[in-house]
Protein backbone atom coordinates (compact mmCIF):
# COMPACT_ATOMS: atom_id res chain seq x y z
CA MET A 1 -5.64 -5.58 17.38
CA ARG A 2 -3.95 -8.98 17.37
CA TYR A 3 -6.36 -10.28 14.72
CA LYS A 4 -5.56 -7.33 12.50
CA LEU A 5 -1.84 -8.04 12.85
CA ILE A 6 -2.41 -11.54 11.52
CA ALA A 7 -3.68 -10.07 8.26
CA LEU A 8 -0.91 -7.49 8.04
CA SER A 9 1.63 -10.17 8.86
CA SER A 10 0.37 -12.30 6.01
CA ILE A 11 0.86 -9.41 3.62
CA LEU A 12 4.35 -8.55 4.82
CA VAL A 13 5.62 -12.10 5.22
CA GLY A 14 4.13 -13.39 1.98
CA SER A 15 6.05 -16.61 1.48
CA LEU A 16 6.73 -17.16 5.39
CA ILE A 17 -14.81 -10.88 -4.00
CA THR A 18 -14.92 -7.70 -5.57
CA GLY A 19 -17.81 -5.35 -4.77
CA CYS A 20 -21.19 -4.75 -6.35
CA GLN A 21 -21.36 -8.20 -7.86
CA ASP A 22 -24.61 -7.42 -9.67
CA HIS A 23 -22.86 -4.59 -11.52
CA ARG A 24 -19.71 -6.41 -12.57
CA LEU A 25 -18.60 -6.05 -16.17
CA ALA A 26 -17.01 -8.65 -18.38
CA ALA A 27 -13.25 -8.67 -17.87
CA PRO A 28 -11.25 -7.33 -20.82
CA ASN A 29 -8.91 -9.87 -22.39
CA SER A 30 -6.42 -7.49 -23.99
CA LEU A 31 -4.03 -7.09 -21.05
CA ARG A 32 -0.63 -8.78 -21.11
CA VAL A 33 1.28 -9.58 -17.90
CA THR A 34 5.04 -10.00 -18.08
CA THR A 35 7.63 -10.41 -15.33
CA MET A 36 10.03 -7.49 -15.41
CA ALA A 37 12.27 -8.37 -12.46
CA THR A 38 12.61 -11.33 -10.08
CA GLY A 39 14.41 -12.18 -6.87
CA LEU A 40 13.20 -9.15 -4.94
CA LEU A 41 13.44 -9.39 -1.14
CA GLY A 42 9.88 -8.84 0.03
CA PRO A 43 8.72 -6.29 -2.58
CA ILE A 44 6.17 -3.84 -1.16
CA GLY A 45 6.09 -0.45 -2.93
CA VAL A 46 6.66 0.75 -6.49
CA ASP A 47 6.82 4.26 -7.93
CA THR A 48 8.41 6.12 -10.83
CA ASP A 49 10.57 9.21 -10.63
CA PRO A 50 10.12 12.27 -12.89
CA ALA A 51 12.49 10.67 -15.42
CA GLY A 52 10.27 7.58 -15.62
CA ARG A 53 12.68 5.29 -13.78
CA ILE A 54 11.12 2.52 -11.66
CA TRP A 55 11.88 2.26 -7.95
CA VAL A 56 10.80 -0.41 -5.47
CA THR A 57 11.00 -0.97 -1.73
CA GLU A 58 12.09 -4.38 -0.50
CA ALA A 59 11.15 -5.24 3.09
CA GLY A 60 14.01 -7.74 3.35
CA THR A 61 14.18 -11.08 5.14
CA GLY A 62 14.24 -9.99 8.78
CA LYS A 63 17.99 -9.46 8.95
CA ASN A 64 18.12 -5.66 8.63
CA ASP A 65 18.44 -6.10 4.88
CA GLY A 66 15.65 -3.86 3.65
CA GLN A 67 16.52 -1.79 0.61
CA VAL A 68 15.30 0.68 -1.98
CA SER A 69 16.19 -0.42 -5.50
CA LEU A 70 16.08 0.92 -9.03
CA VAL A 71 14.83 -1.51 -11.68
CA THR A 72 16.17 -0.79 -15.14
CA PRO A 73 14.29 -1.70 -18.35
CA ASP A 74 16.44 -4.82 -18.78
CA GLY A 75 15.01 -6.16 -15.50
CA VAL A 76 18.19 -5.72 -13.48
CA VAL A 77 17.65 -4.71 -9.84
CA HIS A 78 20.13 -2.11 -8.62
CA PRO A 79 20.17 -1.56 -4.83
CA VAL A 80 20.42 2.19 -4.19
CA ILE A 81 19.86 2.48 -0.41
CA THR A 82 20.54 -0.57 1.77
CA GLY A 83 20.50 -1.56 5.42
CA PHE A 84 16.98 -0.52 6.39
CA ASP A 85 15.46 -2.13 9.47
CA SER A 86 14.02 -5.56 8.72
CA GLU A 87 13.04 -7.75 11.64
CA ILE A 88 10.80 -10.64 12.57
CA ILE A 89 8.57 -9.65 15.48
CA MET A 90 5.73 -11.30 17.40
CA GLY A 91 3.76 -13.93 15.56
CA GLY A 92 6.37 -14.18 12.82
CA GLU A 93 5.48 -10.79 11.37
CA LEU A 94 8.08 -9.17 9.15
CA ASN A 95 8.51 -5.50 10.02
CA GLY A 96 10.38 -3.55 7.37
CA LEU A 97 10.07 -1.03 4.57
CA ASN A 98 6.61 -0.04 3.36
CA HIS A 99 5.77 2.26 0.43
CA LEU A 100 7.65 5.05 -1.32
CA LEU A 101 6.60 8.22 -3.14
CA PHE A 102 8.24 10.76 -5.41
CA ALA A 103 7.00 14.26 -4.64
CA ASP A 104 8.39 17.81 -4.62
CA GLY A 105 11.72 16.65 -5.98
CA TRP A 106 12.23 14.15 -3.15
CA LEU A 107 11.94 10.43 -2.67
CA TYR A 108 9.91 9.74 0.47
CA ILE A 109 10.28 6.28 2.04
CA LEU A 110 8.22 4.77 4.84
CA GLY A 111 10.33 2.57 7.07
CA SER A 112 9.48 0.32 9.98
CA HIS A 113 8.08 1.70 13.25
CA SER A 114 6.44 4.68 11.47
CA LYS A 115 9.64 6.37 10.31
CA LEU A 116 9.67 8.67 7.28
CA TYR A 117 12.86 9.05 5.23
CA LYS A 118 13.46 11.81 2.67
CA VAL A 119 16.20 11.45 0.03
CA ASN A 120 17.20 13.33 -3.11
CA VAL A 121 18.05 10.76 -5.79
CA THR A 122 17.59 13.05 -8.79
CA ASN A 123 21.21 12.74 -9.85
CA TYR A 124 21.60 9.05 -9.06
CA LYS A 125 23.14 6.99 -11.85
CA VAL A 126 23.50 3.22 -12.06
CA GLY A 127 26.95 2.40 -10.74
CA ASP A 128 27.02 5.17 -8.15
CA PRO A 129 28.05 4.12 -4.61
CA VAL A 130 25.27 2.52 -2.59
CA LEU A 131 23.78 4.75 0.11
CA LEU A 132 23.32 3.41 3.64
CA ALA A 133 20.09 3.81 5.58
CA LYS A 134 22.05 4.48 8.79
CA ASP A 135 23.33 7.71 7.23
CA LEU A 136 19.79 9.03 6.72
CA VAL A 137 17.96 11.00 9.41
CA PRO A 138 14.32 9.86 9.61
CA GLU A 139 11.31 11.62 11.04
CA ASP A 140 10.31 9.13 13.73
CA LYS A 141 6.58 9.53 14.46
CA ARG A 142 5.93 6.31 16.35
CA GLN A 143 5.68 7.84 19.81
CA PHE A 144 3.72 10.84 18.58
CA ILE A 145 1.00 8.57 17.21
CA LEU A 146 1.06 6.17 20.16
CA ASP A 147 0.56 9.11 22.53
CA TYR A 148 -2.51 10.37 20.67
CA LYS A 149 -5.79 9.70 22.50
CA PHE A 150 -7.88 7.86 19.91
CA ALA A 151 -11.51 7.11 20.82
CA GLN A 152 -10.90 3.53 19.71
CA ASP A 153 -7.25 3.17 20.59
CA THR A 154 -5.42 0.21 19.05
CA GLU A 155 -2.20 1.21 20.87
CA ASP A 156 -0.41 0.61 17.60
CA THR A 157 0.97 2.54 14.63
CA HIS A 158 2.14 1.43 11.20
CA LEU A 159 2.55 4.18 8.62
CA TYR A 160 2.01 2.22 5.43
CA ASN A 161 1.34 4.38 2.36
CA MET A 162 1.17 8.06 1.39
CA THR A 163 0.07 10.65 -1.15
CA VAL A 164 0.17 14.41 -1.71
CA GLY A 165 -3.21 15.90 -0.82
CA PHE A 166 -4.84 19.12 0.41
CA ASP A 167 -2.55 22.17 0.27
CA GLY A 168 0.28 20.02 -1.06
CA ASP A 169 0.68 18.30 2.31
CA LEU A 170 1.55 14.62 2.72
CA PHE A 171 -1.17 12.26 3.95
CA PHE A 172 -0.39 8.79 5.29
CA THR A 173 -2.43 5.67 5.94
CA ASP A 174 -1.70 4.31 9.40
CA ALA A 175 -2.52 0.60 9.23
CA GLY A 176 -1.89 0.25 12.95
CA ALA A 177 -3.96 3.15 14.30
CA ASN A 178 -6.63 2.91 11.55
CA ALA A 179 -6.18 6.59 10.83
CA ILE A 180 -5.00 9.12 8.26
CA ILE A 181 -2.01 11.16 9.40
CA ARG A 182 -1.10 14.56 7.95
CA ARG A 183 2.31 16.21 7.53
CA THR A 184 2.35 19.81 6.36
CA LYS A 185 5.00 21.24 4.07
CA ALA A 186 6.48 22.85 7.17
CA GLY A 187 6.87 19.42 8.76
CA VAL A 188 4.02 19.68 11.28
CA TRP A 189 2.30 16.35 11.97
CA SER A 190 -1.30 15.73 13.08
CA VAL A 191 -4.00 13.07 13.14
CA PHE A 192 -6.31 14.04 10.27
CA SER A 193 -9.03 11.38 10.11
CA ILE A 194 -10.19 8.13 11.70
CA ILE A 195 -11.26 5.24 9.46
CA PRO A 196 -14.36 3.56 10.97
CA GLY A 197 -14.81 -0.16 11.38
CA VAL A 198 -17.48 -2.15 9.56
CA ALA A 199 -20.40 -4.13 10.92
CA ASN A 200 -20.19 -7.88 10.38
CA PRO A 201 -23.16 -10.03 9.32
CA ALA A 202 -25.59 -10.96 12.10
CA GLY A 203 -24.25 -13.72 14.32
CA THR A 204 -20.62 -13.04 13.43
CA LEU A 205 -18.10 -12.44 16.20
CA PRO A 206 -16.86 -9.88 16.71
CA PRO A 207 -19.85 -7.76 15.61
CA PHE A 208 -17.47 -5.17 14.10
CA SER A 209 -14.17 -5.52 12.25
CA GLU A 210 -11.43 -2.94 12.00
CA SER A 211 -11.02 -1.17 8.66
CA VAL A 212 -7.26 -1.14 8.11
CA PRO A 213 -6.34 1.71 5.73
CA THR A 214 -3.90 0.69 3.02
CA GLY A 215 -3.78 2.72 -0.22
CA ILE A 216 -4.47 6.45 -0.53
CA VAL A 217 -4.86 8.89 -3.44
CA PHE A 218 -6.07 12.48 -3.89
CA ASP A 219 -8.42 13.43 -6.72
CA GLY A 220 -8.16 17.19 -6.20
CA GLN A 221 -11.21 17.40 -3.94
CA ARG A 222 -10.98 14.48 -1.52
CA LEU A 223 -8.76 11.68 -0.36
CA LEU A 224 -9.73 8.16 -1.41
CA VAL A 225 -8.62 5.36 0.91
CA SER A 226 -8.68 1.60 0.35
CA THR A 227 -9.01 -0.81 3.26
CA LEU A 228 -8.29 -4.34 4.36
CA ILE A 229 -10.72 -5.78 6.90
CA GLY A 230 -9.60 -7.31 10.20
CA TYR A 231 -10.76 -10.51 11.87
CA PRO A 232 -12.61 -12.63 10.78
CA PHE A 233 -11.32 -11.36 7.40
CA LEU A 234 -14.60 -11.80 5.54
CA SER A 235 -14.66 -11.54 1.77
CA GLY A 236 -16.68 -8.70 0.29
CA GLN A 237 -16.34 -6.45 3.35
CA SER A 238 -13.55 -4.06 2.31
CA VAL A 239 -14.63 -0.46 1.73
CA VAL A 240 -13.24 2.46 -0.26
CA TYR A 241 -13.64 5.62 1.83
CA GLU A 242 -13.67 9.24 0.79
CA VAL A 243 -12.23 11.78 3.23
CA ASP A 244 -13.11 15.46 2.89
CA GLN A 245 -11.00 18.50 3.74
CA ALA A 246 -12.31 18.50 7.31
CA GLY A 247 -11.20 14.90 7.84
CA ASN A 248 -14.67 13.34 7.69
CA ALA A 249 -14.52 9.78 6.36
CA SER A 250 -17.52 8.18 4.63
CA ALA A 251 -18.00 5.02 2.59
CA LEU A 252 -17.77 5.57 -1.17
CA LYS A 253 -17.68 2.02 -2.55
CA LYS A 254 -18.37 -1.24 -0.72
CA GLY A 255 -18.15 -4.97 -1.30
CA PHE A 256 -14.48 -5.58 -2.05
CA THR A 257 -11.99 -8.06 -0.62
CA SER A 258 -8.61 -7.27 1.00
CA ILE A 259 -7.79 -4.16 -1.05
CA VAL A 260 -4.19 -3.02 -0.51
CA ASP A 261 -3.87 -0.19 -3.03
CA ILE A 262 -5.91 2.35 -4.95
CA ASN A 263 -5.02 4.45 -8.01
CA LEU A 264 -6.87 7.04 -10.06
CA GLU A 265 -7.35 5.53 -13.50
CA THR A 266 -6.69 7.58 -16.62
CA ASN A 267 -10.35 7.29 -17.72
CA LEU A 268 -11.42 8.92 -14.41
CA GLY A 269 -12.31 5.64 -12.75
CA LEU A 270 -10.48 3.81 -9.98
CA LEU A 271 -8.00 0.96 -9.99
CA LEU A 272 -8.01 -1.31 -6.95
CA LEU A 273 -5.51 -4.02 -6.05
CA GLN A 274 -6.83 -7.07 -4.24
CA HIS A 275 -4.08 -8.77 -2.25
CA GLY A 276 -5.88 -12.09 -2.01
CA VAL A 277 -8.62 -14.12 -0.35
CA PHE A 278 -7.98 -15.00 3.29
CA GLY A 279 -8.00 -18.63 4.39
CA MET A 280 -5.16 -19.99 6.49
CA GLY A 281 -3.34 -16.80 5.64
CA PHE A 282 -3.80 -15.25 2.22
CA THR A 283 -4.27 -17.81 -0.54
CA GLN A 284 -1.71 -17.53 -3.30
CA LYS A 285 -2.80 -16.43 -6.77
CA THR A 286 -6.08 -14.90 -5.57
CA GLY A 287 -4.98 -11.32 -6.18
CA GLN A 288 -6.73 -9.12 -8.72
CA LEU A 289 -6.42 -5.81 -10.50
CA ILE A 290 -9.91 -4.31 -10.53
CA GLN A 291 -11.26 -1.36 -12.50
CA VAL A 292 -14.13 0.61 -10.96
CA THR A 293 -16.15 3.00 -13.15
CA ALA A 294 -19.59 4.58 -13.05
CA ASN A 295 -20.81 1.65 -15.18
CA GLY A 296 -19.60 -1.04 -12.79
CA ASN A 297 -16.54 -3.07 -11.85
CA SER A 298 -14.38 -5.38 -13.94
CA VAL A 299 -11.42 -7.61 -13.14
CA LEU A 300 -8.61 -6.53 -15.44
CA VAL A 301 -6.13 -9.15 -14.25
CA ASP A 302 -6.83 -12.25 -12.17
CA GLN A 303 -4.62 -14.77 -10.34
CA LEU A 304 -1.99 -12.28 -9.22
CA ASN A 305 0.23 -13.79 -6.52
CA LEU A 306 -0.14 -11.64 -3.38
CA PRO A 307 0.31 -8.22 -5.04
CA THR A 308 1.15 -5.28 -2.77
CA ASP A 309 1.36 -2.10 -4.87
CA LEU A 310 0.25 -0.67 -8.19
CA LYS A 311 1.63 2.15 -10.32
CA GLN A 312 -0.05 3.19 -13.55
CA THR A 313 2.30 5.22 -15.74
CA ASP A 314 0.02 5.81 -18.74
CA ALA A 315 -3.26 4.57 -20.20
CA ASN A 316 -1.65 1.32 -21.33
CA THR A 317 1.00 0.49 -18.73
CA TYR A 318 0.87 -0.67 -15.10
CA TYR A 319 3.53 -1.94 -12.70
CA VAL A 320 2.66 -4.30 -9.83
CA THR A 321 4.82 -5.69 -7.04
CA SER A 322 4.16 -9.38 -6.33
CA LEU A 323 5.11 -10.53 -2.86
CA GLY A 324 4.23 -14.14 -3.62
CA ASP A 325 6.51 -14.29 -6.67
CA ARG A 326 9.13 -11.85 -5.29
CA SER A 327 8.82 -9.99 -8.56
CA LEU A 328 7.92 -6.78 -10.36
CA LEU A 329 5.25 -7.26 -13.02
CA LYS A 330 4.56 -5.10 -16.06
CA ILE A 331 1.00 -5.09 -17.36
CA THR A 332 0.28 -3.64 -20.79
CA ARG A 333 -2.64 -3.31 -23.18
């Protein structure tokens, strides 16, 4: 578990290769990357509300300064909810806000220690008074998950990302327990699926590495889950899993490196976000935006600086949070 935390720590602290190589396609050269906003405090998640407004989570600096912000088209960052937990824990790991999701008219926010916040920001306007995290009542699921008897128990929990899935329920990646957690519309929580580890090449110690679930999407029939591999953090070992309605997880695509997010692409393929290549921590500017189709894989954008989340809003527009640059990027065709 400690080796896995090193990798997660590198993602969260930031400033503190792809699969099926024989089927890779030539990278398109028509994408343009521009910086939309800078100076973000540990940007992790990005999503858009029904009105098309862009929201980000900022993990903070370890001084209980995590916040959820609205980024307007002029690149100005407007803090909307402030004062979320942000702390430096063992090994220098930053523990703070994770991802956010708009669903069912609510903004769902994953905080530290596996807490889920639910806020209605439909009527928020720039200039409204800032909300305080201490005034929100979270669903704290840390102890519930820690008490669960996993066959391979990491004795850890870290709710990291989420999506709406089967029956309109919420499904979460737990990057601490290596599991998928379910929350029904009625607010009932359960452990839905276990993400298996992967075998390392012969002679490698340990013989198996943990598959740390990161991104998650639902294609109408199954959940698709991206993973980041634990120690010794080998390149080309990350797997995309498919999880059926019974919670059975099986490998769908193999051979990727440190994937931290997954999206359904508008042409019915997949978009994967590579955080970076691991050396002494994650190497800066080794992130990639990767397109996966039936015809093969292609790198759409290279040299991203420790990206953490991806939101595609239409066939020609993507938003990416960059932890290494403390920025929000806009990628267009």
